[in-house]
Amino acid sequence: MTVGNETKKRVKEFVGKVVSNKMDKTVVVAVERKFPHPLYGKQVKKTKKFYAHDEENKCNEGDIVRIRESRPLSKLKRWVVVEIIQSAKK
């Protein structure tokens, strides 16, 4: 979509599970995707980990969260936690 001379980019968003919250204001989110194997057709799972900024340190391990792409915040951190969809059961 173009507005004048500027092009509007879609913001990437993923839903994943928090696997680590040991760092200050940072969580590691594992995002799982499923796709059919190109040759055999069987469903294959791939997991990728993203470092996301959690400003208020609200996320705990096991939470399901939505993350959004942002500007680089540190060497590895390029994502921000938008919302906690489901809290982990304790």
PDB file of N, CA and C in Angstrom:
ATOM      1  N   MET A   1       0.842  -1.178   0.000  1.00  0.00           N
ATOM      2  CA  MET A   1       0.000   0.000   0.000  1.00  0.00           C
ATOM      3  C   MET A   1       0.882   1.234   0.000  1.00  0.00           C
ATOM      4  N   THR A   2       0.622   2.152  -0.882  1.00  0.00           N
ATOM      5  CA  THR A   2       1.429   3.366  -0.948  1.00  0.00           C
ATOM      6  C   THR A   2       0.602   4.575  -0.548  1.00  0.00           C
ATOM      7  N   VAL A   3       1.229   5.444   0.217  1.00  0.00           N
ATOM      8  CA  VAL A   3       0.608   6.697   0.628  1.00  0.00           C
ATOM      9  C   VAL A   3       1.580   7.792   0.211  1.00  0.00           C
ATOM     10  N   GLY A   4       1.285   8.474  -0.875  1.00  0.00           N
ATOM     11  CA  GLY A   4       2.220   9.473  -1.385  1.00  0.00           C
ATOM     12  C   GLY A   4       3.487   8.782  -1.845  1.00  0.00           C
ATOM     13  N   ASN A   5       4.626   9.237  -1.355  1.00  0.00           N
ATOM     14  CA  ASN A   5       5.911   8.635  -1.697  1.00  0.00           C
ATOM     15  C   ASN A   5       6.308   7.514  -0.747  1.00  0.00           C
ATOM     16  N   GLU A   6       5.576   7.375   0.347  1.00  0.00           N
ATOM     17  CA  GLU A   6       5.930   6.392   1.371  1.00  0.00           C
ATOM     18  C   GLU A   6       5.204   5.081   1.127  1.00  0.00           C
ATOM     19  N   THR A   7       5.877   3.991   1.427  1.00  0.00           N
ATOM     20  CA  THR A   7       5.237   2.678   1.362  1.00  0.00           C
ATOM     21  C   THR A   7       4.972   2.213   2.781  1.00  0.00           C
ATOM     22  N   LYS A   8       3.809   1.614   2.997  1.00  0.00           N
ATOM     23  CA  LYS A   8       3.414   1.168   4.313  1.00  0.00           C
ATOM     24  C   LYS A   8       3.769  -0.310   4.457  1.00  0.00           C
ATOM     25  N   LYS A   9       4.580  -0.638   5.463  1.00  0.00           N
ATOM     26  CA  LYS A   9       4.973  -2.014   5.698  1.00  0.00           C
ATOM     27  C   LYS A   9       4.026  -2.674   6.682  1.00  0.00           C
ATOM     28  N   ARG A  10       3.788  -3.963   6.471  1.00  0.00           N
ATOM     29  CA  ARG A  10       3.030  -4.719   7.458  1.00  0.00           C
ATOM     30  C   ARG A  10       3.938  -5.078   8.609  1.00  0.00           C
ATOM     31  N   VAL A  11       3.417  -4.935   9.814  1.00  0.00           N
ATOM     32  CA  VAL A  11       4.192  -5.258  10.999  1.00  0.00           C
ATOM     33  C   VAL A  11       4.039  -6.750  11.275  1.00  0.00           C
ATOM     34  N   LYS A  12       5.168  -7.448  11.446  1.00  0.00           N
ATOM     35  CA  LYS A  12       5.122  -8.877  11.717  1.00  0.00           C
ATOM     36  C   LYS A  12       4.716  -9.112  13.159  1.00  0.00           C
ATOM     37  N   GLU A  13       3.814 -10.063  13.366  1.00  0.00           N
ATOM     38  CA  GLU A  13       3.385 -10.455  14.708  1.00  0.00           C
ATOM     39  C   GLU A  13       3.359 -11.962  14.787  1.00  0.00           C
ATOM     40  N   PHE A  14       3.813 -12.499  15.910  1.00  0.00           N
ATOM     41  CA  PHE A  14       3.782 -13.938  16.143  1.00  0.00           C
ATOM     42  C   PHE A  14       3.206 -14.216  17.521  1.00  0.00           C
ATOM     43  N   VAL A  15       2.694 -15.427  17.694  1.00  0.00           N
ATOM     44  CA  VAL A  15       2.224 -15.892  18.996  1.00  0.00           C
ATOM     45  C   VAL A  15       3.116 -17.063  19.386  1.00  0.00           C
ATOM     46  N   GLY A  16       3.643 -17.006  20.604  1.00  0.00           N
ATOM     47  CA  GLY A  16       4.541 -18.063  21.046  1.00  0.00           C
ATOM     48  C   GLY A  16       4.510 -18.236  22.550  1.00  0.00           C
ATOM     49  N   LYS A  17       5.336 -19.167  23.020  1.00  0.00           N
ATOM     50  CA  LYS A  17       5.395 -19.515  24.433  1.00  0.00           C
ATOM     51  C   LYS A  17       6.702 -19.001  25.028  1.00  0.00           C
ATOM     52  N   VAL A  18       6.613 -18.398  26.216  1.00  0.00           N
ATOM     53  CA  VAL A  18       7.806 -17.884  26.897  1.00  0.00           C
ATOM     54  C   VAL A  18       8.580 -19.079  27.454  1.00  0.00           C
ATOM     55  N   VAL A  19       9.839 -19.224  27.042  1.00  0.00           N
ATOM     56  CA  VAL A  19      10.665 -20.331  27.519  1.00  0.00           C
ATOM     57  C   VAL A  19      11.691 -19.880  28.552  1.00  0.00           C
ATOM     58  N   SER A  20      11.960 -18.558  28.621  1.00  0.00           N
ATOM     59  CA  SER A  20      12.893 -18.049  29.621  1.00  0.00           C
ATOM     60  C   SER A  20      12.566 -16.598  29.932  1.00  0.00           C
ATOM     61  N   ASN A  21      12.609 -16.263  31.237  1.00  0.00           N
ATOM     62  CA  ASN A  21      12.422 -14.874  31.655  1.00  0.00           C
ATOM     63  C   ASN A  21      13.487 -14.478  32.665  1.00  0.00           C
ATOM     64  N   LYS A  22      14.643 -15.085  32.563  1.00  0.00           N
ATOM     65  CA  LYS A  22      15.701 -14.869  33.539  1.00  0.00           C
ATOM     66  C   LYS A  22      16.400 -13.507  33.385  1.00  0.00           C
ATOM     67  N   MET A  23      16.344 -12.918  32.210  1.00  0.00           N
ATOM     68  CA  MET A  23      16.988 -11.622  31.992  1.00  0.00           C
ATOM     69  C   MET A  23      16.067 -10.488  32.430  1.00  0.00           C
ATOM     70  N   ASP A  24      16.659  -9.327  32.669  1.00  0.00           N
ATOM     71  CA  ASP A  24      15.878  -8.169  33.075  1.00  0.00           C
ATOM     72  C   ASP A  24      15.236  -7.529  31.847  1.00  0.00           C
ATOM     73  N   LYS A  25      13.916  -7.392  31.856  1.00  0.00           N
ATOM     74  CA  LYS A  25      13.125  -6.763  30.786  1.00  0.00           C
ATOM     75  C   LYS A  25      13.245  -7.482  29.439  1.00  0.00           C
ATOM     76  N   THR A  26      13.639  -8.753  29.469  1.00  0.00           N
ATOM     77  CA  THR A  26      13.762  -9.531  28.240  1.00  0.00           C
ATOM     78  C   THR A  26      13.209 -10.927  28.474  1.00  0.00           C
ATOM     79  N   VAL A  27      12.473 -11.441  27.490  1.00  0.00           N
ATOM     80  CA  VAL A  27      12.004 -12.820  27.535  1.00  0.00           C
ATOM     81  C   VAL A  27      12.396 -13.510  26.231  1.00  0.00           C
ATOM     82  N   VAL A  28      12.536 -14.833  26.305  1.00  0.00           N
ATOM     83  CA  VAL A  28      12.794 -15.623  25.111  1.00  0.00           C
ATOM     84  C   VAL A  28      11.489 -16.327  24.761  1.00  0.00           C
ATOM     85  N   VAL A  29      11.007 -16.107  23.542  1.00  0.00           N
ATOM     86  CA  VAL A  29       9.726 -16.651  23.102  1.00  0.00           C
ATOM     87  C   VAL A  29       9.982 -17.666  21.994  1.00  0.00           C
ATOM     88  N   ALA A  30       9.464 -18.885  22.177  1.00  0.00           N
ATOM     89  CA  ALA A  30       9.581 -19.923  21.159  1.00  0.00           C
ATOM     90  C   ALA A  30       8.321 -19.909  20.306  1.00  0.00           C
ATOM     91  N   VAL A  31       8.500 -19.696  19.000  1.00  0.00           N
ATOM     92  CA  VAL A  31       7.383 -19.666  18.062  1.00  0.00           C
ATOM     93  C   VAL A  31       7.457 -20.933  17.222  1.00  0.00           C
ATOM     94  N   GLU A  32       6.365 -21.689  17.230  1.00  0.00           N
ATOM     95  CA  GLU A  32       6.319 -22.955  16.503  1.00  0.00           C
ATOM     96  C   GLU A  32       5.472 -22.789  15.254  1.00  0.00           C
ATOM     97  N   ARG A  33       5.963 -23.313  14.137  1.00  0.00           N
ATOM     98  CA  ARG A  33       5.167 -23.288  12.909  1.00  0.00           C
ATOM     99  C   ARG A  33       5.118 -24.687  12.327  1.00  0.00           C
ATOM    100  N   LYS A  34       4.005 -24.998  11.700  1.00  0.00           N
ATOM    101  CA  LYS A  34       3.809 -26.306  11.080  1.00  0.00           C
ATOM    102  C   LYS A  34       3.637 -26.120   9.585  1.00  0.00           C
ATOM    103  N   PHE A  35       4.233 -27.025   8.820  1.00  0.00           N
ATOM    104  CA  PHE A  35       4.108 -26.971   7.371  1.00  0.00           C
ATOM    105  C   PHE A  35       4.289 -28.385   6.821  1.00  0.00           C
ATOM    106  N   PRO A  36       3.749 -28.662   5.641  1.00  0.00           N
ATOM    107  CA  PRO A  36       3.932 -29.988   5.068  1.00  0.00           C
ATOM    108  C   PRO A  36       5.348 -30.145   4.510  1.00  0.00           C
ATOM    109  N   HIS A  37       5.939 -31.317   4.707  1.00  0.00           N
ATOM    110  CA  HIS A  37       7.259 -31.603   4.159  1.00  0.00           C
ATOM    111  C   HIS A  37       7.178 -31.500   2.632  1.00  0.00           C
ATOM    112  N   PRO A  38       8.151 -30.847   1.988  1.00  0.00           N
ATOM    113  CA  PRO A  38       8.053 -30.616   0.546  1.00  0.00           C
ATOM    114  C   PRO A  38       7.949 -31.884  -0.298  1.00  0.00           C
ATOM    115  N   LEU A  39       8.575 -32.976   0.137  1.00  0.00           N
ATOM    116  CA  LEU A  39       8.544 -34.206  -0.651  1.00  0.00           C
ATOM    117  C   LEU A  39       7.518 -35.200  -0.133  1.00  0.00           C
ATOM    118  N   TYR A  40       7.487 -35.411   1.185  1.00  0.00           N
ATOM    119  CA  TYR A  40       6.668 -36.486   1.752  1.00  0.00           C
ATOM    120  C   TYR A  40       5.294 -36.042   2.229  1.00  0.00           C
ATOM    121  N   GLY A  41       5.082 -34.754   2.414  1.00  0.00           N
ATOM    122  CA  GLY A  41       3.755 -34.267   2.764  1.00  0.00           C
ATOM    123  C   GLY A  41       3.395 -34.352   4.234  1.00  0.00           C
ATOM    124  N   LYS A  42       4.214 -35.007   5.047  1.00  0.00           N
ATOM    125  CA  LYS A  42       3.924 -35.115   6.481  1.00  0.00           C
ATOM    126  C   LYS A  42       4.091 -33.744   7.144  1.00  0.00           C
ATOM    127  N   GLN A  43       3.265 -33.457   8.161  1.00  0.00           N
ATOM    128  CA  GLN A  43       3.369 -32.196   8.886  1.00  0.00           C
ATOM    129  C   GLN A  43       4.677 -32.167   9.678  1.00  0.00           C
ATOM    130  N   VAL A  44       5.438 -31.086   9.524  1.00  0.00           N
ATOM    131  CA  VAL A  44       6.713 -30.909  10.197  1.00  0.00           C
ATOM    132  C   VAL A  44       6.608 -29.696  11.101  1.00  0.00           C
ATOM    133  N   LYS A  45       7.174 -29.803  12.326  1.00  0.00           N
ATOM    134  CA  LYS A  45       7.188 -28.675  13.254  1.00  0.00           C
ATOM    135  C   LYS A  45       8.568 -28.055  13.259  1.00  0.00           C
ATOM    136  N   LYS A  46       8.615 -26.731  13.179  1.00  0.00           N
ATOM    137  CA  LYS A  46       9.871 -25.988  13.314  1.00  0.00           C
ATOM    138  C   LYS A  46       9.674 -24.968  14.425  1.00  0.00           C
ATOM    139  N   THR A  47      10.659 -24.858  15.299  1.00  0.00           N
ATOM    140  CA  THR A  47      10.595 -23.898  16.388  1.00  0.00           C
ATOM    141  C   THR A  47      11.718 -22.895  16.236  1.00  0.00           C
ATOM    142  N   LYS A  48      11.379 -21.622  16.417  1.00  0.00           N
ATOM    143  CA  LYS A  48      12.387 -20.568  16.374  1.00  0.00           C
ATOM    144  C   LYS A  48      12.237 -19.717  17.622  1.00  0.00           C
ATOM    145  N   LYS A  49      13.358 -19.327  18.213  1.00  0.00           N
ATOM    146  CA  LYS A  49      13.336 -18.519  19.425  1.00  0.00           C
ATOM    147  C   LYS A  49      13.608 -17.054  19.085  1.00  0.00           C
ATOM    148  N   PHE A  50      12.838 -16.174  19.717  1.00  0.00           N
ATOM    149  CA  PHE A  50      12.999 -14.735  19.537  1.00  0.00           C
ATOM    150  C   PHE A  50      13.218 -14.090  20.900  1.00  0.00           C
ATOM    151  N   TYR A  51      14.109 -13.113  20.967  1.00  0.00           N
ATOM    152  CA  TYR A  51      14.298 -12.316  22.174  1.00  0.00           C
ATOM    153  C   TYR A  51      13.350 -11.133  22.087  1.00  0.00           C
ATOM    154  N   ALA A  52      12.513 -10.954  23.100  1.00  0.00           N
ATOM    155  CA  ALA A  52      11.508  -9.892  23.070  1.00  0.00           C
ATOM    156  C   ALA A  52      11.615  -9.015  24.315  1.00  0.00           C
ATOM    157  N   HIS A  53      11.316  -7.729  24.131  1.00  0.00           N
ATOM    158  CA  HIS A  53      11.367  -6.755  25.223  1.00  0.00           C
ATOM    159  C   HIS A  53      10.082  -6.822  26.037  1.00  0.00           C
ATOM    160  N   ASP A  54      10.231  -6.975  27.351  1.00  0.00           N
ATOM    161  CA  ASP A  54       9.101  -7.024  28.286  1.00  0.00           C
ATOM    162  C   ASP A  54       9.326  -5.929  29.315  1.00  0.00           C
ATOM    163  N   GLU A  55       8.808  -4.740  29.044  1.00  0.00           N
ATOM    164  CA  GLU A  55       9.112  -3.545  29.829  1.00  0.00           C
ATOM    165  C   GLU A  55       8.826  -3.709  31.319  1.00  0.00           C
ATOM    166  N   GLU A  56       7.709  -4.321  31.683  1.00  0.00           N
ATOM    167  CA  GLU A  56       7.321  -4.396  33.092  1.00  0.00           C
ATOM    168  C   GLU A  56       7.648  -5.731  33.754  1.00  0.00           C
ATOM    169  N   ASN A  57       8.397  -6.592  33.081  1.00  0.00           N
ATOM    170  CA  ASN A  57       8.756  -7.916  33.618  1.00  0.00           C
ATOM    171  C   ASN A  57       7.526  -8.698  34.069  1.00  0.00           C
ATOM    172  N   LYS A  58       6.448  -8.646  33.293  1.00  0.00           N
ATOM    173  CA  LYS A  58       5.202  -9.326  33.656  1.00  0.00           C
ATOM    174  C   LYS A  58       5.177 -10.793  33.223  1.00  0.00           C
ATOM    175  N   CYS A  59       5.916 -11.131  32.185  1.00  0.00           N
ATOM    176  CA  CYS A  59       5.852 -12.479  31.611  1.00  0.00           C
ATOM    177  C   CYS A  59       6.566 -13.498  32.481  1.00  0.00           C
ATOM    178  N   ASN A  60       5.975 -14.685  32.576  1.00  0.00           N
ATOM    179  CA  ASN A  60       6.575 -15.808  33.278  1.00  0.00           C
ATOM    180  C   ASN A  60       6.745 -16.962  32.307  1.00  0.00           C
ATOM    181  N   GLU A  61       7.574 -17.923  32.673  1.00  0.00           N
ATOM    182  CA  GLU A  61       7.776 -19.091  31.826  1.00  0.00           C
ATOM    183  C   GLU A  61       6.455 -19.822  31.639  1.00  0.00           C
ATOM    184  N   GLY A  62       6.171 -20.216  30.414  1.00  0.00           N
ATOM    185  CA  GLY A  62       4.944 -20.941  30.107  1.00  0.00           C
ATOM    186  C   GLY A  62       3.815 -20.065  29.612  1.00  0.00           C
ATOM    187  N   ASP A  63       3.940 -18.739  29.734  1.00  0.00           N
ATOM    188  CA  ASP A  63       2.902 -17.825  29.236  1.00  0.00           C
ATOM    189  C   ASP A  63       2.843 -17.874  27.713  1.00  0.00           C
ATOM    190  N   ILE A  64       1.640 -17.711  27.173  1.00  0.00           N
ATOM    191  CA  ILE A  64       1.460 -17.567  25.734  1.00  0.00           C
ATOM    192  C   ILE A  64       1.360 -16.066  25.468  1.00  0.00           C
ATOM    193  N   VAL A  65       2.252 -15.542  24.609  1.00  0.00           N
ATOM    194  CA  VAL A  65       2.311 -14.102  24.373  1.00  0.00           C
ATOM    195  C   VAL A  65       2.286 -13.785  22.881  1.00  0.00           C
ATOM    196  N   ARG A  66       1.911 -12.544  22.569  1.00  0.00           N
ATOM    197  CA  ARG A  66       1.966 -12.036  21.198  1.00  0.00           C
ATOM    198  C   ARG A  66       3.143 -11.064  21.142  1.00  0.00           C
ATOM    199  N   ILE A  67       4.025 -11.248  20.144  1.00  0.00           N
ATOM    200  CA  ILE A  67       5.169 -10.362  19.992  1.00  0.00           C
ATOM    201  C   ILE A  67       5.080  -9.647  18.651  1.00  0.00           C
ATOM    202  N   ARG A  68       5.618  -8.435  18.600  1.00  0.00           N
ATOM    203  CA  ARG A  68       5.578  -7.604  17.391  1.00  0.00           C
ATOM    204  C   ARG A  68       6.994  -7.139  17.066  1.00  0.00           C
ATOM    205  N   GLU A  69       7.293  -7.075  15.781  1.00  0.00           N
ATOM    206  CA  GLU A  69       8.598  -6.621  15.322  1.00  0.00           C
ATOM    207  C   GLU A  69       8.787  -5.146  15.659  1.00  0.00           C
ATOM    208  N   SER A  70      10.023  -4.771  16.013  1.00  0.00           N
ATOM    209  CA  SER A  70      10.308  -3.369  16.320  1.00  0.00           C
ATOM    210  C   SER A  70      11.724  -3.041  15.855  1.00  0.00           C
ATOM    211  N   ARG A  71      12.165  -1.848  16.160  1.00  0.00           N
ATOM    212  CA  ARG A  71      13.530  -1.467  15.826  1.00  0.00           C
ATOM    213  C   ARG A  71      14.491  -2.285  16.698  1.00  0.00           C
ATOM    214  N   PRO A  72      15.747  -2.397  16.312  1.00  0.00           N
ATOM    215  CA  PRO A  72      16.698  -3.133  17.159  1.00  0.00           C
ATOM    216  C   PRO A  72      16.858  -2.462  18.522  1.00  0.00           C
ATOM    217  N   LEU A  73      16.647  -3.238  19.578  1.00  0.00           N
ATOM    218  CA  LEU A  73      16.759  -2.718  20.938  1.00  0.00           C
ATOM    219  C   LEU A  73      18.083  -3.106  21.584  1.00  0.00           C
ATOM    220  N   SER A  74      18.706  -4.173  21.103  1.00  0.00           N
ATOM    221  CA  SER A  74      20.026  -4.596  21.556  1.00  0.00           C
ATOM    222  C   SER A  74      20.605  -5.502  20.477  1.00  0.00           C
ATOM    223  N   LYS A  75      21.675  -6.197  20.800  1.00  0.00           N
ATOM    224  CA  LYS A  75      22.336  -7.043  19.804  1.00  0.00           C
ATOM    225  C   LYS A  75      21.395  -8.096  19.233  1.00  0.00           C
ATOM    226  N   LEU A  76      20.576  -8.728  20.088  1.00  0.00           N
ATOM    227  CA  LEU A  76      19.686  -9.812  19.652  1.00  0.00           C
ATOM    228  C   LEU A  76      18.203  -9.454  19.698  1.00  0.00           C
ATOM    229  N   LYS A  77      17.848  -8.390  20.407  1.00  0.00           N
ATOM    230  CA  LYS A  77      16.438  -8.084  20.670  1.00  0.00           C
ATOM    231  C   LYS A  77      15.845  -7.176  19.605  1.00  0.00           C
ATOM    232  N   ARG A  78      14.855  -7.705  18.836  1.00  0.00           N
ATOM    233  CA  ARG A  78      14.178  -6.925  17.793  1.00  0.00           C
ATOM    234  C   ARG A  78      12.661  -7.077  17.876  1.00  0.00           C
ATOM    235  N   TRP A  79      12.157  -7.553  19.002  1.00  0.00           N
ATOM    236  CA  TRP A  79      10.732  -7.818  19.174  1.00  0.00           C
ATOM    237  C   TRP A  79      10.261  -7.238  20.493  1.00  0.00           C
ATOM    238  N   VAL A  80       8.968  -6.924  20.578  1.00  0.00           N
ATOM    239  CA  VAL A  80       8.364  -6.368  21.791  1.00  0.00           C
ATOM    240  C   VAL A  80       7.133  -7.200  22.128  1.00  0.00           C
ATOM    241  N   VAL A  81       6.946  -7.508  23.415  1.00  0.00           N
ATOM    242  CA  VAL A  81       5.750  -8.221  23.855  1.00  0.00           C
ATOM    243  C   VAL A  81       4.580  -7.252  23.809  1.00  0.00           C
ATOM    244  N   VAL A  82       3.532  -7.621  23.040  1.00  0.00           N
ATOM    245  CA  VAL A  82       2.362  -6.762  22.890  1.00  0.00           C
ATOM    246  C   VAL A  82       1.341  -7.087  23.968  1.00  0.00           C
ATOM    247  N   GLU A  83       1.076  -8.388  24.169  1.00  0.00           N
ATOM    248  CA  GLU A  83       0.089  -8.789  25.175  1.00  0.00           C
ATOM    249  C   GLU A  83       0.369 -10.205  25.637  1.00  0.00           C
ATOM    250  N   ILE A  84      -0.099 -10.484  26.854  1.00  0.00           N
ATOM    251  CA  ILE A  84      -0.057 -11.845  27.384  1.00  0.00           C
ATOM    252  C   ILE A  84      -1.416 -12.450  27.096  1.00  0.00           C
ATOM    253  N   ILE A  85      -1.459 -13.442  26.221  1.00  0.00           N
ATOM    254  CA  ILE A  85      -2.718 -14.056  25.824  1.00  0.00           C
ATOM    255  C   ILE A  85      -3.228 -15.003  26.897  1.00  0.00           C
ATOM    256  N   GLN A  86      -2.309 -15.816  27.430  1.00  0.00           N
ATOM    257  CA  GLN A  86      -2.702 -16.800  28.449  1.00  0.00           C
ATOM    258  C   GLN A  86      -1.568 -16.926  29.447  1.00  0.00           C
ATOM    259  N   SER A  87      -1.877 -16.804  30.735  1.00  0.00           N
ATOM    260  CA  SER A  87      -0.878 -16.951  31.774  1.00  0.00           C
ATOM    261  C   SER A  87      -0.620 -18.422  32.058  1.00  0.00           C
ATOM    262  N   ALA A  88       0.582 -18.724  32.495  1.00  0.00           N
ATOM    263  CA  ALA A  88       0.934 -20.117  32.819  1.00  0.00           C
ATOM    264  C   ALA A  88       0.204 -20.553  34.080  1.00  0.00           C
ATOM    265  N   LYS A  89      -0.187 -21.804  34.094  1.00  0.00           N
ATOM    266  CA  LYS A  89      -0.843 -22.352  35.288  1.00  0.00           C
ATOM    267  C   LYS A  89       0.212 -22.676  36.327  1.00  0.00           C
ATOM    268  N   LYS A  90      -0.063 -22.306  37.568  1.00  0.00           N
ATOM    269  CA  LYS A  90       0.924 -22.536  38.634  1.00  0.00           C
ATOM    270  C   LYS A  90       0.456 -23.580  39.593  1.00  0.00           C
TER     271      LYS A  90
END
